[in-house]
Amino acid sequence: MTDAPEQPTEPQEAQEPAPEPGEAPTTLESIERLGSLQMKPNEVQLVLGLEPWEDGSDQWKAYHKGRLQAVAQVRDAMRRSALQGSAPSQAKFLETAERVDRLPPPAPKPAPQPDPPRRRR
């Protein structure tokens, strides 16, 4: 046995939990999976035969969850590659970080309005 240095490995693709054999994915799981492929919401709706969904709905959340998780996985792979010395990955990672730094801060949520005073009789 030798004490050879550990060789860098290729980034592993994150495994999504698969439905049980013979079990079809739920609609929300399908929306999340297609969102992870960076499909547009109207494309996902067309593929799955769905009506447009409202912002903040469970379908909207599943779509954006899938989309953003895929973006995070790619950025994580890019980071790992950059740390292993890949000059293109380092440049792209720093470019992404600078772009994120230029984003405006999120707008503060408006304060809840107090209930109007009640009239006394």
PDB file of N, CA and C in Angstrom:
ATOM      1  N   MET A   1       0.847  -1.165   0.000  1.00  0.00           N
ATOM      2  CA  MET A   1       0.000   0.000   0.000  1.00  0.00           C
ATOM      3  C   MET A   1       0.897   1.234   0.000  1.00  0.00           C
ATOM      4  N   THR A   2       0.588   2.236  -0.850  1.00  0.00           N
ATOM      5  CA  THR A   2       1.377   3.459  -0.899  1.00  0.00           C
ATOM      6  C   THR A   2       0.544   4.621  -0.427  1.00  0.00           C
ATOM      7  N   ASP A   3       1.222   5.676  -0.028  1.00  0.00           N
ATOM      8  CA  ASP A   3       0.528   6.891   0.390  1.00  0.00           C
ATOM      9  C   ASP A   3       0.518   7.884  -0.767  1.00  0.00           C
ATOM     10  N   ALA A   4      -0.073   7.491  -1.866  1.00  0.00           N
ATOM     11  CA  ALA A   4      -0.154   8.357  -3.034  1.00  0.00           C
ATOM     12  C   ALA A   4      -1.155   9.477  -2.754  1.00  0.00           C
ATOM     13  N   PRO A   5      -0.873  10.695  -3.278  1.00  0.00           N
ATOM     14  CA  PRO A   5      -1.834  11.776  -3.062  1.00  0.00           C
ATOM     15  C   PRO A   5      -3.163  11.447  -3.736  1.00  0.00           C
ATOM     16  N   GLU A   6      -4.215  11.919  -3.116  1.00  0.00           N
ATOM     17  CA  GLU A   6      -5.552  11.660  -3.642  1.00  0.00           C
ATOM     18  C   GLU A   6      -5.737  12.433  -4.938  1.00  0.00           C
ATOM     19  N   GLN A   7      -6.192  11.743  -5.954  1.00  0.00           N
ATOM     20  CA  GLN A   7      -6.415  12.371  -7.249  1.00  0.00           C
ATOM     21  C   GLN A   7      -7.766  13.067  -7.243  1.00  0.00           C
ATOM     22  N   PRO A   8      -7.849  14.279  -7.897  1.00  0.00           N
ATOM     23  CA  PRO A   8      -9.154  14.939  -7.978  1.00  0.00           C
ATOM     24  C   PRO A   8     -10.133  14.051  -8.748  1.00  0.00           C
ATOM     25  N   THR A   9     -11.329  14.086  -8.327  1.00  0.00           N
ATOM     26  CA  THR A   9     -12.351  13.289  -8.998  1.00  0.00           C
ATOM     27  C   THR A   9     -13.292  14.227  -9.742  1.00  0.00           C
ATOM     28  N   GLU A  10     -13.974  13.678 -10.699  1.00  0.00           N
ATOM     29  CA  GLU A  10     -14.964  14.451 -11.429  1.00  0.00           C
ATOM     30  C   GLU A  10     -16.128  14.753 -10.482  1.00  0.00           C
ATOM     31  N   PRO A  11     -16.745  15.957 -10.636  1.00  0.00           N
ATOM     32  CA  PRO A  11     -17.897  16.256  -9.789  1.00  0.00           C
ATOM     33  C   PRO A  11     -19.006  15.235 -10.015  1.00  0.00           C
ATOM     34  N   GLN A  12     -19.580  14.798  -8.937  1.00  0.00           N
ATOM     35  CA  GLN A  12     -20.663  13.830  -9.010  1.00  0.00           C
ATOM     36  C   GLN A  12     -21.977  14.575  -9.157  1.00  0.00           C
ATOM     37  N   GLU A  13     -22.818  14.081 -10.047  1.00  0.00           N
ATOM     38  CA  GLU A  13     -24.130  14.689 -10.218  1.00  0.00           C
ATOM     39  C   GLU A  13     -24.989  14.314  -9.023  1.00  0.00           C
ATOM     40  N   ALA A  14     -25.666  15.314  -8.475  1.00  0.00           N
ATOM     41  CA  ALA A  14     -26.535  15.050  -7.330  1.00  0.00           C
ATOM     42  C   ALA A  14     -27.676  14.147  -7.768  1.00  0.00           C
ATOM     43  N   GLN A  15     -27.939  13.142  -6.992  1.00  0.00           N
ATOM     44  CA  GLN A  15     -28.990  12.202  -7.323  1.00  0.00           C
ATOM     45  C   GLN A  15     -30.299  12.669  -6.709  1.00  0.00           C
ATOM     46  N   GLU A  16     -31.316  12.774  -7.554  1.00  0.00           N
ATOM     47  CA  GLU A  16     -32.635  13.138  -7.063  1.00  0.00           C
ATOM     48  C   GLU A  16     -33.320  11.870  -6.575  1.00  0.00           C
ATOM     49  N   PRO A  17     -34.100  11.976  -5.508  1.00  0.00           N
ATOM     50  CA  PRO A  17     -34.798  10.779  -5.053  1.00  0.00           C
ATOM     51  C   PRO A  17     -35.767  10.316  -6.141  1.00  0.00           C
ATOM     52  N   ALA A  18     -35.660   9.063  -6.514  1.00  0.00           N
ATOM     53  CA  ALA A  18     -36.516   8.516  -7.558  1.00  0.00           C
ATOM     54  C   ALA A  18     -37.779   7.954  -6.929  1.00  0.00           C
ATOM     55  N   PRO A  19     -38.890   8.056  -7.665  1.00  0.00           N
ATOM     56  CA  PRO A  19     -40.099   7.443  -7.137  1.00  0.00           C
ATOM     57  C   PRO A  19     -39.919   5.923  -7.060  1.00  0.00           C
ATOM     58  N   GLU A  20     -40.700   5.295  -6.246  1.00  0.00           N
ATOM     59  CA  GLU A  20     -40.662   3.838  -6.129  1.00  0.00           C
ATOM     60  C   GLU A  20     -40.956   3.227  -7.499  1.00  0.00           C
ATOM     61  N   PRO A  21     -40.394   2.054  -7.785  1.00  0.00           N
ATOM     62  CA  PRO A  21     -40.677   1.416  -9.080  1.00  0.00           C
ATOM     63  C   PRO A  21     -42.179   1.279  -9.295  1.00  0.00           C
ATOM     64  N   GLY A  22     -42.615   1.672 -10.497  1.00  0.00           N
ATOM     65  CA  GLY A  22     -44.034   1.590 -10.815  1.00  0.00           C
ATOM     66  C   GLY A  22     -44.841   2.768 -10.306  1.00  0.00           C
ATOM     67  N   GLU A  23     -44.196   3.670  -9.563  1.00  0.00           N
ATOM     68  CA  GLU A  23     -44.890   4.821  -8.995  1.00  0.00           C
ATOM     69  C   GLU A  23     -44.554   6.057  -9.832  1.00  0.00           C
ATOM     70  N   ALA A  24     -45.576   6.707 -10.352  1.00  0.00           N
ATOM     71  CA  ALA A  24     -45.366   7.893 -11.179  1.00  0.00           C
ATOM     72  C   ALA A  24     -45.025   9.086 -10.278  1.00  0.00           C
ATOM     73  N   PRO A  25     -44.149   9.989 -10.767  1.00  0.00           N
ATOM     74  CA  PRO A  25     -43.852  11.174  -9.959  1.00  0.00           C
ATOM     75  C   PRO A  25     -45.097  12.045  -9.825  1.00  0.00           C
ATOM     76  N   THR A  26     -45.170  12.760  -8.719  1.00  0.00           N
ATOM     77  CA  THR A  26     -46.294  13.676  -8.539  1.00  0.00           C
ATOM     78  C   THR A  26     -46.151  14.837  -9.501  1.00  0.00           C
ATOM     79  N   THR A  27     -47.213  15.598  -9.667  1.00  0.00           N
ATOM     80  CA  THR A  27     -47.166  16.777 -10.543  1.00  0.00           C
ATOM     81  C   THR A  27     -46.111  17.753 -10.054  1.00  0.00           C
ATOM     82  N   LEU A  28     -46.032  17.982  -8.749  1.00  0.00           N
ATOM     83  CA  LEU A  28     -45.043  18.926  -8.225  1.00  0.00           C
ATOM     84  C   LEU A  28     -43.619  18.417  -8.473  1.00  0.00           C
ATOM     85  N   GLU A  29     -43.399  17.099  -8.341  1.00  0.00           N
ATOM     86  CA  GLU A  29     -42.076  16.536  -8.635  1.00  0.00           C
ATOM     87  C   GLU A  29     -41.728  16.712 -10.113  1.00  0.00           C
ATOM     88  N   SER A  30     -42.722  16.539 -10.976  1.00  0.00           N
ATOM     89  CA  SER A  30     -42.493  16.722 -12.413  1.00  0.00           C
ATOM     90  C   SER A  30     -42.187  18.176 -12.732  1.00  0.00           C
ATOM     91  N   ILE A  31     -42.903  19.091 -12.102  1.00  0.00           N
ATOM     92  CA  ILE A  31     -42.642  20.521 -12.306  1.00  0.00           C
ATOM     93  C   ILE A  31     -41.233  20.856 -11.849  1.00  0.00           C
ATOM     94  N   GLU A  32     -40.844  20.351 -10.683  1.00  0.00           N
ATOM     95  CA  GLU A  32     -39.508  20.611 -10.135  1.00  0.00           C
ATOM     96  C   GLU A  32     -38.425  20.058 -11.066  1.00  0.00           C
ATOM     97  N   ARG A  33     -38.631  18.845 -11.576  1.00  0.00           N
ATOM     98  CA  ARG A  33     -37.646  18.226 -12.470  1.00  0.00           C
ATOM     99  C   ARG A  33     -37.497  19.027 -13.757  1.00  0.00           C
ATOM    100  N   LEU A  34     -38.616  19.439 -14.361  1.00  0.00           N
ATOM    101  CA  LEU A  34     -38.543  20.214 -15.597  1.00  0.00           C
ATOM    102  C   LEU A  34     -37.990  21.612 -15.344  1.00  0.00           C
ATOM    103  N   GLY A  35     -38.273  22.180 -14.191  1.00  0.00           N
ATOM    104  CA  GLY A  35     -37.673  23.460 -13.818  1.00  0.00           C
ATOM    105  C   GLY A  35     -36.165  23.343 -13.702  1.00  0.00           C
ATOM    106  N   SER A  36     -35.687  22.193 -13.209  1.00  0.00           N
ATOM    107  CA  SER A  36     -34.241  21.988 -13.075  1.00  0.00           C
ATOM    108  C   SER A  36     -33.557  21.921 -14.435  1.00  0.00           C
ATOM    109  N   LEU A  37     -34.318  21.664 -15.488  1.00  0.00           N
ATOM    110  CA  LEU A  37     -33.780  21.652 -16.844  1.00  0.00           C
ATOM    111  C   LEU A  37     -33.799  23.037 -17.478  1.00  0.00           C
ATOM    112  N   GLN A  38     -34.155  24.050 -16.677  1.00  0.00           N
ATOM    113  CA  GLN A  38     -34.184  25.448 -17.093  1.00  0.00           C
ATOM    114  C   GLN A  38     -35.221  25.695 -18.191  1.00  0.00           C
ATOM    115  N   MET A  39     -36.301  24.933 -18.155  1.00  0.00           N
ATOM    116  CA  MET A  39     -37.404  25.182 -19.079  1.00  0.00           C
ATOM    117  C   MET A  39     -38.185  26.383 -18.571  1.00  0.00           C
ATOM    118  N   LYS A  40     -38.829  27.099 -19.465  1.00  0.00           N
ATOM    119  CA  LYS A  40     -39.667  28.240 -19.084  1.00  0.00           C
ATOM    120  C   LYS A  40     -40.954  27.706 -18.446  1.00  0.00           C
ATOM    121  N   PRO A  41     -41.559  28.500 -17.532  1.00  0.00           N
ATOM    122  CA  PRO A  41     -42.802  28.027 -16.896  1.00  0.00           C
ATOM    123  C   PRO A  41     -43.881  27.630 -17.911  1.00  0.00           C
ATOM    124  N   ASN A  42     -44.050  28.434 -18.976  1.00  0.00           N
ATOM    125  CA  ASN A  42     -45.098  28.087 -19.943  1.00  0.00           C
ATOM    126  C   ASN A  42     -44.766  26.797 -20.689  1.00  0.00           C
ATOM    127  N   GLU A  43     -43.481  26.476 -20.854  1.00  0.00           N
ATOM    128  CA  GLU A  43     -43.091  25.207 -21.471  1.00  0.00           C
ATOM    129  C   GLU A  43     -43.419  24.040 -20.546  1.00  0.00           C
ATOM    130  N   VAL A  44     -43.148  24.201 -19.257  1.00  0.00           N
ATOM    131  CA  VAL A  44     -43.469  23.162 -18.269  1.00  0.00           C
ATOM    132  C   VAL A  44     -44.975  22.922 -18.254  1.00  0.00           C
ATOM    133  N   GLN A  45     -45.738  24.003 -18.256  1.00  0.00           N
ATOM    134  CA  GLN A  45     -47.198  23.891 -18.232  1.00  0.00           C
ATOM    135  C   GLN A  45     -47.710  23.180 -19.480  1.00  0.00           C
ATOM    136  N   LEU A  46     -47.119  23.477 -20.632  1.00  0.00           N
ATOM    137  CA  LEU A  46     -47.533  22.842 -21.882  1.00  0.00           C
ATOM    138  C   LEU A  46     -47.194  21.351 -21.879  1.00  0.00           C
ATOM    139  N   VAL A  47     -45.974  21.019 -21.462  1.00  0.00           N
ATOM    140  CA  VAL A  47     -45.547  19.617 -21.439  1.00  0.00           C
ATOM    141  C   VAL A  47     -46.433  18.789 -20.507  1.00  0.00           C
ATOM    142  N   LEU A  48     -46.774  19.353 -19.364  1.00  0.00           N
ATOM    143  CA  LEU A  48     -47.547  18.602 -18.361  1.00  0.00           C
ATOM    144  C   LEU A  48     -49.053  18.802 -18.493  1.00  0.00           C
ATOM    145  N   GLY A  49     -49.489  19.652 -19.432  1.00  0.00           N
ATOM    146  CA  GLY A  49     -50.922  19.882 -19.616  1.00  0.00           C
ATOM    147  C   GLY A  49     -51.558  20.617 -18.462  1.00  0.00           C
ATOM    148  N   LEU A  50     -50.830  21.612 -17.924  1.00  0.00           N
ATOM    149  CA  LEU A  50     -51.313  22.357 -16.759  1.00  0.00           C
ATOM    150  C   LEU A  50     -51.776  23.755 -17.153  1.00  0.00           C
ATOM    151  N   GLU A  51     -52.663  24.283 -16.359  1.00  0.00           N
ATOM    152  CA  GLU A  51     -53.076  25.677 -16.501  1.00  0.00           C
ATOM    153  C   GLU A  51     -51.993  26.562 -15.894  1.00  0.00           C
ATOM    154  N   PRO A  52     -51.898  27.829 -16.328  1.00  0.00           N
ATOM    155  CA  PRO A  52     -50.917  28.734 -15.699  1.00  0.00           C
ATOM    156  C   PRO A  52     -51.146  28.799 -14.189  1.00  0.00           C
ATOM    157  N   TRP A  53     -50.046  28.913 -13.448  1.00  0.00           N
ATOM    158  CA  TRP A  53     -50.164  28.968 -12.000  1.00  0.00           C
ATOM    159  C   TRP A  53     -49.879  30.375 -11.506  1.00  0.00           C
ATOM    160  N   GLU A  54     -50.347  30.635 -10.314  1.00  0.00           N
ATOM    161  CA  GLU A  54     -50.190  31.942  -9.673  1.00  0.00           C
ATOM    162  C   GLU A  54     -48.832  32.034  -8.989  1.00  0.00           C
ATOM    163  N   ASP A  55     -48.283  33.247  -8.930  1.00  0.00           N
ATOM    164  CA  ASP A  55     -47.063  33.464  -8.161  1.00  0.00           C
ATOM    165  C   ASP A  55     -47.309  33.059  -6.709  1.00  0.00           C
ATOM    166  N   GLY A  56     -46.359  32.345  -6.146  1.00  0.00           N
ATOM    167  CA  GLY A  56     -46.456  31.923  -4.755  1.00  0.00           C
ATOM    168  C   GLY A  56     -47.185  30.610  -4.554  1.00  0.00           C
ATOM    169  N   SER A  57     -47.778  30.051  -5.621  1.00  0.00           N
ATOM    170  CA  SER A  57     -48.501  28.774  -5.492  1.00  0.00           C
ATOM    171  C   SER A  57     -47.502  27.634  -5.297  1.00  0.00           C
ATOM    172  N   ASP A  58     -48.013  26.465  -4.936  1.00  0.00           N
ATOM    173  CA  ASP A  58     -47.147  25.295  -4.766  1.00  0.00           C
ATOM    174  C   ASP A  58     -46.429  24.945  -6.073  1.00  0.00           C
ATOM    175  N   GLN A  59     -47.115  25.108  -7.196  1.00  0.00           N
ATOM    176  CA  GLN A  59     -46.500  24.829  -8.497  1.00  0.00           C
ATOM    177  C   GLN A  59     -45.368  25.819  -8.777  1.00  0.00           C
ATOM    178  N   TRP A  60     -45.589  27.089  -8.498  1.00  0.00           N
ATOM    179  CA  TRP A  60     -44.585  28.144  -8.681  1.00  0.00           C
ATOM    180  C   TRP A  60     -43.357  27.835  -7.828  1.00  0.00           C
ATOM    181  N   LYS A  61     -43.596  27.440  -6.577  1.00  0.00           N
ATOM    182  CA  LYS A  61     -42.494  27.114  -5.663  1.00  0.00           C
ATOM    183  C   LYS A  61     -41.712  25.897  -6.159  1.00  0.00           C
ATOM    184  N   ALA A  62     -42.410  24.866  -6.637  1.00  0.00           N
ATOM    185  CA  ALA A  62     -41.738  23.655  -7.132  1.00  0.00           C
ATOM    186  C   ALA A  62     -40.883  23.993  -8.352  1.00  0.00           C
ATOM    187  N   TYR A  63     -41.412  24.802  -9.262  1.00  0.00           N
ATOM    188  CA  TYR A  63     -40.669  25.196 -10.466  1.00  0.00           C
ATOM    189  C   TYR A  63     -39.375  25.912 -10.082  1.00  0.00           C
ATOM    190  N   HIS A  64     -39.496  26.931  -9.232  1.00  0.00           N
ATOM    191  CA  HIS A  64     -38.319  27.719  -8.862  1.00  0.00           C
ATOM    192  C   HIS A  64     -37.356  26.920  -7.978  1.00  0.00           C
ATOM    193  N   LYS A  65     -37.866  26.009  -7.180  1.00  0.00           N
ATOM    194  CA  LYS A  65     -36.993  25.148  -6.375  1.00  0.00           C
ATOM    195  C   LYS A  65     -36.118  24.302  -7.291  1.00  0.00           C
ATOM    196  N   GLY A  66     -36.717  23.671  -8.284  1.00  0.00           N
ATOM    197  CA  GLY A  66     -35.952  22.855  -9.221  1.00  0.00           C
ATOM    198  C   GLY A  66     -34.947  23.680 -10.009  1.00  0.00           C
ATOM    199  N   ARG A  67     -35.390  24.840 -10.489  1.00  0.00           N
ATOM    200  CA  ARG A  67     -34.521  25.706 -11.286  1.00  0.00           C
ATOM    201  C   ARG A  67     -33.320  26.173 -10.476  1.00  0.00           C
ATOM    202  N   LEU A  68     -33.569  26.640  -9.268  1.00  0.00           N
ATOM    203  CA  LEU A  68     -32.490  27.186  -8.441  1.00  0.00           C
ATOM    204  C   LEU A  68     -31.579  26.099  -7.886  1.00  0.00           C
ATOM    205  N   GLN A  69     -32.120  24.927  -7.575  1.00  0.00           N
ATOM    206  CA  GLN A  69     -31.256  23.833  -7.117  1.00  0.00           C
ATOM    207  C   GLN A  69     -30.288  23.417  -8.215  1.00  0.00           C
ATOM    208  N   ALA A  70     -30.752  23.395  -9.468  1.00  0.00           N
ATOM    209  CA  ALA A  70     -29.864  23.043 -10.579  1.00  0.00           C
ATOM    210  C   ALA A  70     -28.779  24.094 -10.755  1.00  0.00           C
ATOM    211  N   VAL A  71     -29.144  25.360 -10.640  1.00  0.00           N
ATOM    212  CA  VAL A  71     -28.152  26.439 -10.738  1.00  0.00           C
ATOM    213  C   VAL A  71     -27.125  26.288  -9.620  1.00  0.00           C
ATOM    214  N   ALA A  72     -27.588  25.991  -8.412  1.00  0.00           N
ATOM    215  CA  ALA A  72     -26.672  25.816  -7.278  1.00  0.00           C
ATOM    216  C   ALA A  72     -25.739  24.629  -7.507  1.00  0.00           C
ATOM    217  N   GLN A  73     -26.237  23.537  -8.067  1.00  0.00           N
ATOM    218  CA  GLN A  73     -25.397  22.365  -8.334  1.00  0.00           C
ATOM    219  C   GLN A  73     -24.313  22.692  -9.365  1.00  0.00           C
ATOM    220  N   VAL A  74     -24.684  23.445 -10.403  1.00  0.00           N
ATOM    221  CA  VAL A  74     -23.692  23.825 -11.418  1.00  0.00           C
ATOM    222  C   VAL A  74     -22.649  24.758 -10.805  1.00  0.00           C
ATOM    223  N   ARG A  75     -23.092  25.705  -9.996  1.00  0.00           N
ATOM    224  CA  ARG A  75     -22.141  26.625  -9.362  1.00  0.00           C
ATOM    225  C   ARG A  75     -21.220  25.872  -8.395  1.00  0.00           C
ATOM    226  N   ASP A  76     -21.754  24.875  -7.706  1.00  0.00           N
ATOM    227  CA  ASP A  76     -20.926  24.085  -6.805  1.00  0.00           C
ATOM    228  C   ASP A  76     -19.863  23.316  -7.589  1.00  0.00           C
ATOM    229  N   ALA A  77     -20.260  22.735  -8.717  1.00  0.00           N
ATOM    230  CA  ALA A  77     -19.290  22.019  -9.561  1.00  0.00           C
ATOM    231  C   ALA A  77     -18.243  22.984 -10.103  1.00  0.00           C
ATOM    232  N   MET A  78     -18.675  24.197 -10.467  1.00  0.00           N
ATOM    233  CA  MET A  78     -17.751  25.212 -10.969  1.00  0.00           C
ATOM    234  C   MET A  78     -16.764  25.612  -9.865  1.00  0.00           C
ATOM    235  N   ARG A  79     -17.258  25.756  -8.642  1.00  0.00           N
ATOM    236  CA  ARG A  79     -16.398  26.109  -7.511  1.00  0.00           C
ATOM    237  C   ARG A  79     -15.360  25.023  -7.249  1.00  0.00           C
ATOM    238  N   ARG A  80     -15.824  23.766  -7.249  1.00  0.00           N
ATOM    239  CA  ARG A  80     -14.889  22.657  -7.017  1.00  0.00           C
ATOM    240  C   ARG A  80     -13.819  22.604  -8.100  1.00  0.00           C
ATOM    241  N   SER A  81     -14.240  22.809  -9.332  1.00  0.00           N
ATOM    242  CA  SER A  81     -13.294  22.807 -10.448  1.00  0.00           C
ATOM    243  C   SER A  81     -12.315  23.967 -10.318  1.00  0.00           C
ATOM    244  N   ALA A  82     -12.807  25.132  -9.907  1.00  0.00           N
ATOM    245  CA  ALA A  82     -11.936  26.300  -9.720  1.00  0.00           C
ATOM    246  C   ALA A  82     -10.915  26.035  -8.618  1.00  0.00           C
ATOM    247  N   LEU A  83     -11.344  25.411  -7.533  1.00  0.00           N
ATOM    248  CA  LEU A  83     -10.434  25.109  -6.430  1.00  0.00           C
ATOM    249  C   LEU A  83      -9.383  24.073  -6.811  1.00  0.00           C
ATOM    250  N   GLN A  84      -9.670  23.255  -7.824  1.00  0.00           N
ATOM    251  CA  GLN A  84      -8.711  22.263  -8.300  1.00  0.00           C
ATOM    252  C   GLN A  84      -7.756  22.853  -9.340  1.00  0.00           C
ATOM    253  N   GLY A  85      -7.911  24.155  -9.628  1.00  0.00           N
ATOM    254  CA  GLY A  85      -6.958  24.832 -10.499  1.00  0.00           C
ATOM    255  C   GLY A  85      -7.410  25.119 -11.907  1.00  0.00           C
ATOM    256  N   SER A  86      -8.660  24.874 -12.247  1.00  0.00           N
ATOM    257  CA  SER A  86      -9.136  25.147 -13.598  1.00  0.00           C
ATOM    258  C   SER A  86      -9.254  26.659 -13.807  1.00  0.00           C
ATOM    259  N   ALA A  87      -8.399  27.201 -14.676  1.00  0.00           N
ATOM    260  CA  ALA A  87      -8.417  28.647 -14.942  1.00  0.00           C
ATOM    261  C   ALA A  87      -9.764  29.103 -15.518  1.00  0.00           C
ATOM    262  N   PRO A  88     -10.354  28.390 -16.492  1.00  0.00           N
ATOM    263  CA  PRO A  88     -11.662  28.822 -16.986  1.00  0.00           C
ATOM    264  C   PRO A  88     -12.731  28.828 -15.885  1.00  0.00           C
ATOM    265  N   SER A  89     -12.704  27.812 -15.016  1.00  0.00           N
ATOM    266  CA  SER A  89     -13.678  27.763 -13.918  1.00  0.00           C
ATOM    267  C   SER A  89     -13.439  28.884 -12.921  1.00  0.00           C
ATOM    268  N   GLN A  90     -12.182  29.191 -12.647  1.00  0.00           N
ATOM    269  CA  GLN A  90     -11.872  30.298 -11.743  1.00  0.00           C
ATOM    270  C   GLN A  90     -12.404  31.606 -12.310  1.00  0.00           C
ATOM    271  N   ALA A  91     -12.164  31.847 -13.599  1.00  0.00           N
ATOM    272  CA  ALA A  91     -12.625  33.090 -14.227  1.00  0.00           C
ATOM    273  C   ALA A  91     -14.148  33.174 -14.197  1.00  0.00           C
ATOM    274  N   LYS A  92     -14.819  32.083 -14.548  1.00  0.00           N
ATOM    275  CA  LYS A  92     -16.281  32.078 -14.569  1.00  0.00           C
ATOM    276  C   LYS A  92     -16.852  32.234 -13.169  1.00  0.00           C
ATOM    277  N   PHE A  93     -16.224  31.589 -12.183  1.00  0.00           N
ATOM    278  CA  PHE A  93     -16.700  31.697 -10.802  1.00  0.00           C
ATOM    279  C   PHE A  93     -16.592  33.139 -10.309  1.00  0.00           C
ATOM    280  N   LEU A  94     -15.439  33.774 -10.567  1.00  0.00           N
ATOM    281  CA  LEU A  94     -15.261  35.165 -10.139  1.00  0.00           C
ATOM    282  C   LEU A  94     -16.206  36.101 -10.885  1.00  0.00           C
ATOM    283  N   GLU A  95     -16.433  35.837 -12.170  1.00  0.00           N
ATOM    284  CA  GLU A  95     -17.380  36.642 -12.952  1.00  0.00           C
ATOM    285  C   GLU A  95     -18.788  36.536 -12.357  1.00  0.00           C
ATOM    286  N   THR A  96     -19.172  35.325 -11.989  1.00  0.00           N
ATOM    287  CA  THR A  96     -20.490  35.111 -11.380  1.00  0.00           C
ATOM    288  C   THR A  96     -20.585  35.842 -10.045  1.00  0.00           C
ATOM    289  N   ALA A  97     -19.543  35.762  -9.233  1.00  0.00           N
ATOM    290  CA  ALA A  97     -19.541  36.432  -7.927  1.00  0.00           C
ATOM    291  C   ALA A  97     -19.662  37.947  -8.101  1.00  0.00           C
ATOM    292  N   GLU A  98     -18.946  38.510  -9.079  1.00  0.00           N
ATOM    293  CA  GLU A  98     -19.021  39.957  -9.317  1.00  0.00           C
ATOM    294  C   GLU A  98     -20.414  40.356  -9.783  1.00  0.00           C
ATOM    295  N   ARG A  99     -21.027  39.527 -10.634  1.00  0.00           N
ATOM    296  CA  ARG A  99     -22.378  39.832 -11.117  1.00  0.00           C
ATOM    297  C   ARG A  99     -23.372  39.814  -9.952  1.00  0.00           C
ATOM    298  N   VAL A 100     -23.223  38.852  -9.061  1.00  0.00           N
ATOM    299  CA  VAL A 100     -24.113  38.772  -7.905  1.00  0.00           C
ATOM    300  C   VAL A 100     -23.896  39.980  -6.991  1.00  0.00           C
ATOM    301  N   ASP A 101     -22.638  40.414  -6.839  1.00  0.00           N
ATOM    302  CA  ASP A 101     -22.338  41.577  -6.001  1.00  0.00           C
ATOM    303  C   ASP A 101     -22.990  42.853  -6.533  1.00  0.00           C
ATOM    304  N   ARG A 102     -23.218  42.919  -7.858  1.00  0.00           N
ATOM    305  CA  ARG A 102     -23.813  44.120  -8.450  1.00  0.00           C
ATOM    306  C   ARG A 102     -25.327  44.148  -8.341  1.00  0.00           C
ATOM    307  N   LEU A 103     -25.940  43.049  -7.928  1.00  0.00           N
ATOM    308  CA  LEU A 103     -27.394  43.019  -7.813  1.00  0.00           C
ATOM    309  C   LEU A 103     -27.847  43.978  -6.718  1.00  0.00           C
ATOM    310  N   PRO A 104     -28.976  44.651  -6.940  1.00  0.00           N
ATOM    311  CA  PRO A 104     -29.476  45.528  -5.881  1.00  0.00           C
ATOM    312  C   PRO A 104     -29.947  44.701  -4.694  1.00  0.00           C
ATOM    313  N   PRO A 105     -29.876  45.270  -3.507  1.00  0.00           N
ATOM    314  CA  PRO A 105     -30.364  44.522  -2.336  1.00  0.00           C
ATOM    315  C   PRO A 105     -31.868  44.316  -2.453  1.00  0.00           C
ATOM    316  N   PRO A 106     -32.379  43.276  -1.826  1.00  0.00           N
ATOM    317  CA  PRO A 106     -33.824  43.048  -1.899  1.00  0.00           C
ATOM    318  C   PRO A 106     -34.576  44.201  -1.252  1.00  0.00           C
ATOM    319  N   ALA A 107     -35.713  44.516  -1.823  1.00  0.00           N
ATOM    320  CA  ALA A 107     -36.539  45.588  -1.277  1.00  0.00           C
ATOM    321  C   ALA A 107     -37.106  45.148   0.068  1.00  0.00           C
ATOM    322  N   PRO A 108     -37.133  46.068   1.037  1.00  0.00           N
ATOM    323  CA  PRO A 108     -37.712  45.685   2.331  1.00  0.00           C
ATOM    324  C   PRO A 108     -39.207  45.442   2.186  1.00  0.00           C
ATOM    325  N   LYS A 109     -39.696  44.513   2.986  1.00  0.00           N
ATOM    326  CA  LYS A 109     -41.128  44.239   2.973  1.00  0.00           C
ATOM    327  C   LYS A 109     -41.843  45.396   3.648  1.00  0.00           C
ATOM    328  N   PRO A 110     -42.998  45.803   3.110  1.00  0.00           N
ATOM    329  CA  PRO A 110     -43.726  46.894   3.765  1.00  0.00           C
ATOM    330  C   PRO A 110     -44.197  46.466   5.150  1.00  0.00           C
ATOM    331  N   ALA A 111     -44.178  47.429   6.056  1.00  0.00           N
ATOM    332  CA  ALA A 111     -44.632  47.145   7.421  1.00  0.00           C
ATOM    333  C   ALA A 111     -46.129  46.869   7.394  1.00  0.00           C
ATOM    334  N   PRO A 112     -46.575  45.917   8.225  1.00  0.00           N
ATOM    335  CA  PRO A 112     -48.020  45.647   8.263  1.00  0.00           C
ATOM    336  C   PRO A 112     -48.767  46.875   8.763  1.00  0.00           C
ATOM    337  N   GLN A 113     -49.903  47.104   8.155  1.00  0.00           N
ATOM    338  CA  GLN A 113     -50.729  48.249   8.540  1.00  0.00           C
ATOM    339  C   GLN A 113     -51.490  47.914   9.820  1.00  0.00           C
ATOM    340  N   PRO A 114     -51.462  48.840  10.787  1.00  0.00           N
ATOM    341  CA  PRO A 114     -52.218  48.569  12.016  1.00  0.00           C
ATOM    342  C   PRO A 114     -53.720  48.624  11.726  1.00  0.00           C
ATOM    343  N   ASP A 115     -54.468  47.882  12.531  1.00  0.00           N
ATOM    344  CA  ASP A 115     -55.919  47.918  12.392  1.00  0.00           C
ATOM    345  C   ASP A 115     -56.404  49.318  12.739  1.00  0.00           C
ATOM    346  N   PRO A 116     -57.433  49.804  12.035  1.00  0.00           N
ATOM    347  CA  PRO A 116     -57.957  51.136  12.364  1.00  0.00           C
ATOM    348  C   PRO A 116     -58.546  51.132  13.775  1.00  0.00           C
ATOM    349  N   PRO A 117     -58.472  52.286  14.454  1.00  0.00           N
ATOM    350  CA  PRO A 117     -59.041  52.326  15.818  1.00  0.00           C
ATOM    351  C   PRO A 117     -60.542  52.059  15.778  1.00  0.00           C
ATOM    352  N   ARG A 118     -61.005  51.406  16.814  1.00  0.00           N
ATOM    353  CA  ARG A 118     -62.445  51.091  16.909  1.00  0.00           C
ATOM    354  C   ARG A 118     -63.146  52.245  17.573  1.00  0.00           C
ATOM    355  N   ARG A 119     -64.342  52.492  17.119  1.00  0.00           N
ATOM    356  CA  ARG A 119     -65.165  53.549  17.741  1.00  0.00           C
ATOM    357  C   ARG A 119     -65.824  52.995  18.986  1.00  0.00           C
ATOM    358  N   ARG A 120     -65.822  53.819  19.991  1.00  0.00           N
ATOM    359  CA  ARG A 120     -66.510  53.401  21.226  1.00  0.00           C
ATOM    360  C   ARG A 120     -67.901  53.969  21.202  1.00  0.00           C
ATOM    361  N   ARG A 121     -68.811  53.214  21.711  1.00  0.00           N
ATOM    362  CA  ARG A 121     -70.210  53.669  21.752  1.00  0.00           C
ATOM    363  C   ARG A 121     -70.603  54.089  23.104  1.00  0.00           C
TER     364      ARG A 121
END
